[in-house]
Amino acid sequence: MRPVNRMAGLASLLAALVGGAGAASAFGALAIDGYRGPHYGFSYNHPTAADARARAIKECGGNCTVVVTFQNTCAAFAADQSQANGATGWAYAPTKEEAQQSALNYCKQYGGKSCLVRVWACESLIARDASAQAVREGTVPPETTASLTPPAIVAPPPTNVAPAPVPIAPVFRPSADGARRVALVIGNDAYQELDHLQKAVNDARAVSAALTQLGFDVIRVEDATRRTMAQKIVEFSAKVGRGDTAFFFYSGHGVEIRGINYLLAVDTPGANDGQEALITAEGIPADTIIEQLQERGAKVSMLVLDACRENPFKKSGSRGVGATRGLAQITAPEGVFVLYSAGVGQTALDRVSDTDPNPNSVFTRTFAQVLTAPGMSVQEMAKTTQSEVRKLAATVNHPQMPAYYDQILGQFTLSQAP
């Protein structure tokens, strides 16, 4: 639900979800000729993402780019009209009003002064579960000449609506040994009493898309309360059976208190000196997730925590609650692989700067790209992420090098080489 750049590999997600001919119509796409250009195109109720893209481009005309592909939902794309190559925002939601408003909000959040919805569309089937998805796709070429402000978008409601399609399930690719793959992905931005984050929800969407492409049965949760997080963790662990591969990704606030890492829901209360018990009661201990997966008999469990941000309870002139910086090392049992977005005592950047246009955190923008790399082991994946994140953080003089703890026997690969 944010601008601007495309995460490599996500553009193929929806095509991977279709799996072949005969699928019910459920895909749509949005296309524009420029952030401030006069032309736009949209499509809906197509059997494949490729068909939806082609139709949107045809409607838009020459020199257009598909900016969003969506499934079983409404989607909208907004752009700043006050300057060339300005801020953009995109969103998907059950109604066009919600999608349009969210797209405008994200455009304004990223610095847009005069944001306008350039294009929107809705499917005839609106789902309210994981089958409703959207992907930010191509980047529109930079403006090189003065552009016209586009006319107000009056996209008509769908006509000749096809019969409500049967929801399309992802085409899961089994691992080499036939084990089931299950994932829980959580992204928390909208904290009620702690500092808001900008990238965590987008991080969850990027990783969810990549995992779906890898054949995982993904449960994705955004801006979750403690009760929702607890419920989804139970749902996640219940899906895991003996010999399966389990993947847990969390992006949001986290804090270490007395050697235990707590993942914080959006309704976590603020806390002052001496109120550690409040946070230990409200937070989700990361260790308990590993324990549940071990009890379920998972052969491989991967935990990726982009939660090493600055302590949200740190107070000026006081000690605050929990460790000042980062998370503590987890003692991983056999079969467990843990990847942190920053090393011990380091903090992870949510963004490079307040004007950073990339929709993902410094860690996830790299990790999501390598996650689907064919033939790359998780160990190689972690090493590559370490190197790239370290280099990017160094451009703003920030020490950040992801750390990982590997208790998997041998090399483990999520995507087999072709």
Protein backbone atom coordinates (compact mmCIF):
# COMPACT_ATOMS: atom_id res chain seq x y z
CA MET A 1 0.00 0.00 0.00
CA ARG A 2 2.87 2.37 -0.61
CA PRO A 3 5.00 3.82 -3.41
CA VAL A 4 7.44 3.76 -5.33
CA ASN A 5 9.99 1.27 -6.55
CA ARG A 6 9.29 -2.34 -7.49
CA MET A 7 10.79 -5.15 -5.45
CA ALA A 8 12.46 -7.44 -7.96
CA GLY A 9 10.59 -10.64 -8.48
CA LEU A 10 7.24 -9.50 -7.16
CA ALA A 11 5.95 -8.73 -10.63
CA SER A 12 5.61 -12.44 -11.32
CA LEU A 13 3.62 -13.25 -8.18
CA LEU A 14 0.13 -13.17 -9.57
CA ALA A 15 1.06 -15.17 -12.64
CA ALA A 16 2.44 -17.81 -10.31
CA LEU A 17 -0.83 -17.87 -8.40
CA VAL A 18 -2.87 -18.72 -11.46
CA GLY A 19 -1.07 -21.89 -12.42
CA GLY A 20 -2.78 -22.52 -15.74
CA ALA A 21 -5.77 -22.27 -18.00
CA GLY A 22 -9.27 -22.73 -16.75
CA ALA A 23 -8.92 -20.52 -13.67
CA ALA A 24 -11.87 -18.33 -12.82
CA SER A 25 -11.74 -14.62 -13.70
CA ALA A 26 -10.28 -12.80 -10.73
CA PHE A 27 -7.40 -10.56 -11.83
CA GLY A 28 -7.18 -6.87 -12.64
CA ALA A 29 -4.52 -4.28 -13.41
CA LEU A 30 -3.96 -0.51 -13.37
CA ALA A 31 -1.84 1.29 -15.97
CA ILE A 32 -0.78 4.92 -16.50
CA ASP A 33 1.37 6.82 -19.00
CA GLY A 34 2.96 8.98 -16.30
CA TYR A 35 2.38 10.24 -12.80
CA ARG A 36 0.89 13.44 -14.28
CA GLY A 37 0.02 12.27 -17.79
CA PRO A 38 -3.46 12.28 -19.31
CA HIS A 39 -3.81 8.57 -20.08
CA TYR A 40 -4.76 5.65 -17.88
CA GLY A 41 -6.20 2.17 -18.26
CA PHE A 42 -7.70 -0.48 -16.01
CA SER A 43 -8.97 -4.04 -16.25
CA TYR A 44 -10.87 -6.48 -14.04
CA ASN A 45 -12.32 -10.02 -14.05
CA HIS A 46 -9.56 -11.57 -16.15
CA PRO A 47 -8.50 -15.23 -15.85
CA THR A 48 -4.78 -14.46 -15.51
CA ALA A 49 -2.61 -11.59 -14.38
CA ALA A 50 -1.02 -11.49 -17.84
CA ASP A 51 -4.44 -11.00 -19.47
CA ALA A 52 -5.24 -8.24 -16.99
CA ARG A 53 -1.97 -6.44 -17.70
CA ALA A 54 -2.45 -6.67 -21.46
CA ARG A 55 -6.00 -5.26 -21.26
CA ALA A 56 -4.97 -2.37 -19.00
CA ILE A 57 -2.13 -1.43 -21.37
CA LYS A 58 -4.52 -1.60 -24.35
CA GLU A 59 -7.01 0.68 -22.58
CA CYS A 60 -4.26 3.13 -21.62
CA GLY A 61 -2.55 3.28 -25.01
CA GLY A 62 1.08 3.46 -26.05
CA ASN A 63 3.95 4.24 -23.67
CA CYS A 64 1.95 3.11 -20.63
CA THR A 65 3.15 1.09 -17.65
CA VAL A 66 1.22 -1.31 -15.45
CA VAL A 67 1.70 -0.02 -11.91
CA VAL A 68 -0.52 -2.37 -9.88
CA THR A 69 -1.88 -5.88 -10.43
CA PHE A 70 -4.60 -7.11 -8.07
CA GLN A 71 -6.81 -10.10 -7.30
CA ASN A 72 -10.27 -10.33 -5.68
CA THR A 73 -10.25 -6.75 -4.40
CA CYS A 74 -10.34 -3.04 -5.33
CA ALA A 75 -7.12 -1.18 -6.07
CA ALA A 76 -6.14 2.46 -6.57
CA PHE A 77 -3.04 4.41 -7.56
CA ALA A 78 -2.41 8.06 -6.62
CA ALA A 79 0.34 10.49 -7.61
CA ASP A 80 1.46 13.98 -6.63
CA GLN A 81 0.53 16.53 -9.29
CA SER A 82 2.54 19.44 -7.87
CA GLN A 83 5.93 18.36 -9.23
CA ALA A 84 7.51 16.03 -11.75
CA ASN A 85 8.33 12.53 -10.48
CA GLY A 86 6.80 13.30 -7.11
CA ALA A 87 5.37 11.04 -4.42
CA THR A 88 2.99 8.22 -5.21
CA GLY A 89 0.80 5.88 -3.20
CA TRP A 90 -1.12 2.72 -3.94
CA ALA A 91 -3.54 0.59 -2.01
CA TYR A 92 -6.05 -2.23 -2.15
CA ALA A 93 -9.20 -2.62 -0.06
CA PRO A 94 -12.69 -4.18 -0.15
CA THR A 95 -14.26 -0.97 -1.53
CA LYS A 96 -13.16 1.61 -4.07
CA GLU A 97 -13.61 4.37 -1.50
CA GLU A 98 -11.24 2.71 0.95
CA ALA A 99 -8.69 1.92 -1.75
CA GLN A 100 -8.76 5.47 -3.11
CA GLN A 101 -8.48 7.08 0.32
CA SER A 102 -5.61 4.82 1.37
CA ALA A 103 -3.74 5.51 -1.87
CA LEU A 104 -4.16 9.25 -1.31
CA ASN A 105 -3.05 8.94 2.32
CA TYR A 106 0.14 7.12 1.37
CA CYS A 107 0.87 9.62 -1.38
CA LYS A 108 0.55 12.47 1.13
CA GLN A 109 2.56 10.55 3.74
CA TYR A 110 5.43 10.37 1.29
CA GLY A 111 5.45 14.12 0.74
CA GLY A 112 2.78 14.62 -1.91
CA LYS A 113 1.34 18.15 -1.84
CA SER A 114 -1.41 17.71 -4.41
CA CYS A 115 -2.22 14.02 -4.66
CA LEU A 116 -4.77 12.72 -7.15
CA VAL A 117 -6.13 9.23 -7.77
CA ARG A 118 -4.90 8.48 -11.29
CA VAL A 119 -6.74 5.19 -11.75
CA TRP A 120 -8.77 2.62 -9.84
CA ALA A 121 -10.80 -0.53 -10.48
CA CYS A 122 -12.66 -3.29 -8.63
CA GLU A 123 -13.16 -6.99 -9.21
CA SER A 124 -16.69 -8.40 -9.17
CA LEU A 125 -15.58 -10.81 -6.43
CA ILE A 126 -14.34 -8.98 -3.36
CA ALA A 127 -12.62 -11.28 -0.89
CA ARG A 128 -11.81 -10.41 2.70
CA ASP A 129 -9.10 -12.99 3.27
CA ALA A 130 -5.65 -13.84 1.93
CA SER A 131 -7.04 -14.38 -1.59
CA ALA A 132 -7.39 -10.59 -1.86
CA GLN A 133 -3.97 -9.40 -2.96
CA ALA A 134 -2.22 -6.67 -4.91
CA VAL A 135 1.31 -6.14 -6.15
CA ARG A 136 3.14 -2.90 -7.02
CA GLU A 137 4.69 -3.49 -10.40
CA GLY A 138 6.53 -1.31 -12.95
CA THR A 139 8.10 2.06 -12.28
CA VAL A 140 6.88 4.82 -14.58
CA PRO A 141 9.73 6.45 -16.57
CA PRO A 142 10.79 9.86 -15.19
CA GLU A 143 9.20 12.92 -16.73
CA THR A 144 11.49 14.67 -19.16
CA THR A 145 9.08 17.29 -20.46
CA ALA A 146 6.22 19.26 -18.98
CA SER A 147 3.17 17.10 -18.45
CA LEU A 148 -0.48 17.87 -18.34
CA THR A 149 -2.44 17.43 -15.17
CA PRO A 150 -4.74 14.51 -15.87
CA PRO A 151 -8.48 14.97 -15.89
CA ALA A 152 -10.44 13.72 -12.92
CA ILE A 153 -10.69 9.96 -13.02
CA VAL A 154 -14.25 8.74 -13.34
CA ALA A 155 -13.78 5.01 -13.67
CA PRO A 156 -17.14 3.39 -14.34
CA PRO A 157 -18.32 0.51 -12.22
CA PRO A 158 -17.84 -2.91 -13.78
CA THR A 159 -20.40 -3.70 -16.47
CA ASN A 160 -21.32 -7.07 -17.89
CA VAL A 161 -20.12 -8.51 -14.64
CA ALA A 162 -19.08 -12.12 -14.92
CA PRO A 163 -20.54 -14.64 -12.48
CA ALA A 164 -18.78 -14.56 -9.14
CA PRO A 165 -15.64 -16.66 -9.64
CA VAL A 166 -14.56 -19.43 -7.37
CA PRO A 167 -11.70 -18.12 -5.18
CA ILE A 168 -8.36 -19.14 -6.64
CA ALA A 169 -5.99 -20.93 -4.32
CA PRO A 170 -2.24 -20.47 -4.80
CA VAL A 171 -0.49 -23.21 -6.71
CA PHE A 172 1.82 -24.57 -4.05
CA ARG A 173 5.15 -25.93 -5.15
CA PRO A 174 6.18 -28.76 -2.83
CA SER A 175 9.70 -28.81 -1.54
CA ALA A 176 12.13 -31.36 -2.84
CA ASP A 177 11.16 -33.83 -0.10
CA GLY A 178 7.40 -33.20 -0.46
CA ALA A 179 7.04 -31.49 2.93
CA ARG A 180 4.30 -28.91 3.43
CA ARG A 181 5.33 -25.25 3.66
CA VAL A 182 3.49 -22.94 6.05
CA ALA A 183 4.23 -19.29 6.85
CA LEU A 184 2.99 -16.54 9.15
CA VAL A 185 3.89 -12.98 8.10
CA ILE A 186 3.14 -9.99 10.35
CA GLY A 187 3.71 -6.30 9.66
CA ASN A 188 2.86 -3.64 12.24
CA ASP A 189 2.98 0.08 11.39
CA ALA A 190 0.03 1.78 13.07
CA TYR A 191 1.02 1.71 16.74
CA GLN A 192 -1.47 3.40 19.00
CA GLU A 193 0.87 4.56 21.78
CA LEU A 194 4.35 3.91 20.33
CA ASP A 195 6.14 5.56 17.43
CA HIS A 196 4.54 4.79 14.08
CA LEU A 197 6.57 2.94 11.47
CA GLN A 198 6.31 3.49 7.71
CA LYS A 199 7.53 0.28 6.10
CA ALA A 200 6.47 -2.72 8.20
CA VAL A 201 3.15 -3.44 6.46
CA ASN A 202 4.82 -3.19 3.08
CA ASP A 203 7.57 -5.49 4.33
CA ALA A 204 4.94 -8.06 5.23
CA ARG A 205 3.36 -7.80 1.79
CA ALA A 206 6.66 -8.15 -0.05
CA VAL A 207 7.73 -11.20 1.95
CA SER A 208 4.24 -12.72 1.75
CA ALA A 209 4.30 -12.40 -2.02
CA ALA A 210 7.72 -14.02 -2.26
CA LEU A 211 6.75 -16.90 0.03
CA THR A 212 3.55 -17.52 -1.93
CA GLN A 213 5.70 -17.72 -5.04
CA LEU A 214 7.81 -20.33 -3.24
CA GLY A 215 4.78 -22.49 -2.52
CA PHE A 216 4.08 -21.52 1.10
CA ASP A 217 0.60 -21.50 2.56
CA VAL A 218 0.85 -17.92 3.87
CA ILE A 219 -1.09 -16.29 6.69
CA ARG A 220 -0.53 -12.52 6.47
CA VAL A 221 -1.49 -10.11 9.24
CA GLU A 222 -1.26 -6.33 9.17
CA ASP A 223 -1.37 -3.88 12.09
CA ALA A 224 -2.32 -6.65 14.50
CA THR A 225 -3.46 -6.26 18.08
CA ARG A 226 -2.03 -8.58 20.69
CA ARG A 227 -5.10 -10.78 20.59
CA THR A 228 -4.91 -11.07 16.81
CA MET A 229 -1.20 -11.88 16.91
CA ALA A 230 -1.78 -14.58 19.50
CA GLN A 231 -4.66 -16.07 17.50
CA LYS A 232 -2.68 -16.12 14.28
CA ILE A 233 0.34 -17.71 15.92
CA VAL A 234 -1.92 -20.49 17.18
CA GLU A 235 -3.49 -20.85 13.73
CA PHE A 236 -0.04 -20.94 12.16
CA SER A 237 1.41 -23.57 14.46
CA ALA A 238 -1.73 -25.71 14.09
CA LYS A 239 -1.09 -25.92 10.34
CA VAL A 240 2.44 -27.22 10.84
CA GLY A 241 2.92 -30.98 10.96
CA ARG A 242 5.81 -33.35 11.44
CA GLY A 243 8.47 -32.91 8.80
CA ASP A 244 7.08 -29.60 7.49
CA THR A 245 8.89 -26.33 6.81
CA ALA A 246 7.66 -23.37 8.87
CA PHE A 247 8.53 -19.73 8.16
CA PHE A 248 7.77 -16.83 10.52
CA PHE A 249 8.41 -13.22 9.47
CA TYR A 250 7.81 -10.20 11.67
CA SER A 251 8.33 -6.52 10.86
CA GLY A 252 7.51 -3.98 13.53
CA HIS A 253 8.61 -2.88 16.98
CA GLY A 254 10.37 -5.31 19.27
CA VAL A 255 12.25 -4.98 22.55
CA GLU A 256 14.60 -7.13 24.60
CA ILE A 257 13.96 -7.39 28.33
CA ARG A 258 16.24 -9.55 30.48
CA GLY A 259 17.44 -11.59 27.52
CA ILE A 260 13.99 -12.27 26.03
CA ASN A 261 12.84 -10.69 22.78
CA TYR A 262 9.26 -9.43 22.77
CA LEU A 263 7.36 -8.67 19.56
CA LEU A 264 4.97 -5.78 20.06
CA ALA A 265 1.40 -5.55 18.81
CA VAL A 266 -0.06 -2.23 17.70
CA ASP A 267 -2.06 -1.91 20.93
CA THR A 268 1.01 -2.29 23.16
CA PRO A 269 0.73 0.38 25.88
CA GLY A 270 3.42 2.94 26.55
CA ALA A 271 5.65 2.16 29.54
CA ASN A 272 7.93 4.08 31.87
CA ASP A 273 10.80 3.18 34.18
CA GLY A 274 9.99 0.20 36.35
CA GLN A 275 7.09 -0.98 34.18
CA GLU A 276 8.85 -3.87 32.45
CA ALA A 277 6.17 -6.26 33.73
CA LEU A 278 3.60 -4.39 31.66
CA ILE A 279 5.52 -5.10 28.47
CA THR A 280 6.42 -8.69 29.31
CA ALA A 281 2.72 -9.32 29.89
CA GLU A 282 1.64 -7.63 26.63
CA GLY A 283 4.48 -8.60 24.29
CA ILE A 284 4.81 -11.88 22.36
CA PRO A 285 8.05 -13.71 23.31
CA ALA A 286 9.80 -14.80 20.11
CA ASP A 287 11.10 -17.92 21.87
CA THR A 288 7.56 -19.25 22.34
CA ILE A 289 7.04 -19.31 18.57
CA ILE A 290 10.07 -21.56 18.15
CA GLU A 291 8.87 -23.76 20.98
CA GLN A 292 5.44 -24.23 19.39
CA LEU A 293 6.95 -25.14 16.02
CA GLN A 294 9.29 -27.61 17.67
CA GLU A 295 6.38 -29.21 19.50
CA ARG A 296 4.54 -29.58 16.18
CA GLY A 297 7.49 -31.49 14.74
CA ALA A 298 8.61 -29.00 12.07
CA LYS A 299 11.72 -30.27 10.33
CA VAL A 300 12.89 -26.75 9.49
CA SER A 301 11.75 -23.55 11.21
CA MET A 302 12.86 -20.14 9.96
CA LEU A 303 12.34 -16.95 11.95
CA VAL A 304 13.11 -13.63 10.29
CA LEU A 305 12.79 -10.65 12.62
CA ASP A 306 12.95 -7.12 11.25
CA ALA A 307 12.29 -5.76 14.72
CA CYS A 308 15.68 -4.48 15.82
CA ARG A 309 14.63 -0.85 15.63
CA GLU A 310 15.31 1.78 18.28
CA ASN A 311 13.72 0.90 21.62
CA PRO A 312 10.22 2.44 21.42
CA PHE A 313 10.15 2.93 25.20
CA LYS A 314 13.41 4.89 25.39
CA LYS A 315 12.87 8.19 27.20
CA SER A 316 15.14 11.20 27.09
CA GLY A 317 16.99 11.56 30.39
CA SER A 318 15.85 8.19 31.73
CA ARG A 319 16.72 4.55 31.38
CA GLY A 320 13.36 3.58 29.88
CA VAL A 321 12.16 -0.01 29.54
CA GLY A 322 14.23 -2.81 28.05
CA ALA A 323 17.57 -2.80 26.27
CA THR A 324 18.44 0.48 24.58
CA ARG A 325 19.30 -0.98 21.19
CA GLY A 326 18.40 -4.09 19.22
CA LEU A 327 17.36 -7.58 20.23
CA ALA A 328 19.10 -10.39 22.08
CA GLN A 329 20.48 -13.52 20.47
CA ILE A 330 18.09 -16.46 20.44
CA THR A 331 19.44 -19.86 21.35
CA ALA A 332 18.21 -21.84 18.37
CA PRO A 333 17.59 -25.60 18.72
CA GLU A 334 18.32 -28.07 15.94
CA GLY A 335 16.41 -27.40 12.74
CA VAL A 336 15.94 -23.70 13.44
CA PHE A 337 17.33 -20.78 11.43
CA VAL A 338 16.98 -17.25 12.84
CA LEU A 339 17.78 -14.11 10.85
CA TYR A 340 17.81 -10.65 12.46
CA SER A 341 17.69 -7.41 10.50
CA ALA A 342 20.62 -6.11 12.60
CA GLY A 343 23.36 -7.52 14.81
CA VAL A 344 23.45 -7.53 18.60
CA GLY A 345 23.52 -3.97 19.92
CA GLN A 346 22.61 -2.50 16.52
CA THR A 347 19.37 -0.93 15.38
CA ALA A 348 17.68 -1.60 12.04
CA LEU A 349 16.70 1.32 9.82
CA ASP A 350 13.04 1.56 8.92
CA ARG A 351 14.13 3.87 6.08
CA VAL A 352 17.26 5.59 4.83
CA SER A 353 15.72 9.03 5.28
CA ASP A 354 12.33 10.65 5.80
CA THR A 355 12.07 11.05 2.02
CA ASP A 356 13.18 7.50 1.18
CA PRO A 357 10.85 6.44 -1.67
CA ASN A 358 11.46 2.70 -1.35
CA PRO A 359 8.36 0.99 0.06
CA ASN A 360 10.36 -1.41 2.23
CA SER A 361 12.77 -1.22 5.15
CA VAL A 362 16.51 -1.28 4.53
CA PHE A 363 16.59 -4.96 5.48
CA THR A 364 13.49 -6.24 3.71
CA ARG A 365 14.13 -4.50 0.40
CA THR A 366 17.19 -6.74 0.06
CA PHE A 367 15.87 -9.86 1.76
CA ALA A 368 12.68 -10.05 -0.34
CA GLN A 369 14.76 -10.02 -3.50
CA VAL A 370 17.06 -12.89 -2.55
CA LEU A 371 14.29 -14.95 -0.95
CA THR A 372 13.16 -16.38 -4.28
CA ALA A 373 16.62 -16.68 -5.87
CA PRO A 374 16.79 -20.14 -7.51
CA GLY A 375 19.36 -22.47 -6.03
CA MET A 376 20.43 -20.10 -3.23
CA SER A 377 20.63 -21.73 0.18
CA VAL A 378 19.25 -19.90 3.19
CA GLN A 379 22.80 -19.57 4.44
CA GLU A 380 23.88 -17.87 1.19
CA MET A 381 20.72 -15.78 1.34
CA ALA A 382 21.66 -14.52 4.80
CA LYS A 383 25.22 -13.73 3.72
CA THR A 384 24.04 -11.79 0.68
CA THR A 385 21.53 -9.86 2.79
CA GLN A 386 24.23 -9.07 5.35
CA SER A 387 26.52 -7.60 2.74
CA GLU A 388 23.91 -5.55 0.88
CA VAL A 389 22.23 -4.15 3.99
CA ARG A 390 25.58 -3.22 5.50
CA LYS A 391 26.53 -1.29 2.36
CA LEU A 392 23.19 0.51 2.13
CA ALA A 393 23.15 1.50 5.83
CA ALA A 394 26.72 2.78 5.51
CA THR A 395 25.57 5.37 2.97
CA VAL A 396 23.94 7.20 5.88
CA ASN A 397 26.73 6.33 8.35
CA HIS A 398 24.57 3.84 10.22
CA PRO A 399 26.09 0.55 11.43
CA GLN A 400 23.70 -2.26 10.50
CA MET A 401 24.69 -5.78 9.56
CA PRO A 402 22.04 -8.52 9.82
CA ALA A 403 22.94 -11.47 12.04
CA TYR A 404 21.85 -15.08 11.67
CA TYR A 405 21.97 -18.22 13.80
CA ASP A 406 21.95 -21.48 11.91
CA GLN A 407 21.04 -24.82 13.45
CA ILE A 408 19.93 -26.48 10.20
CA LEU A 409 21.95 -29.53 9.28
CA GLY A 410 23.67 -28.89 5.96
CA GLN A 411 22.58 -26.45 3.27
CA PHE A 412 18.85 -25.74 2.96
CA THR A 413 17.31 -24.25 -0.18
CA LEU A 414 13.82 -22.81 -0.56
CA SER A 415 13.90 -22.47 -4.36
CA GLN A 416 15.54 -25.27 -6.33
CA ALA A 417 17.86 -24.33 -9.16
CA PRO A 418 16.26 -24.77 -12.61
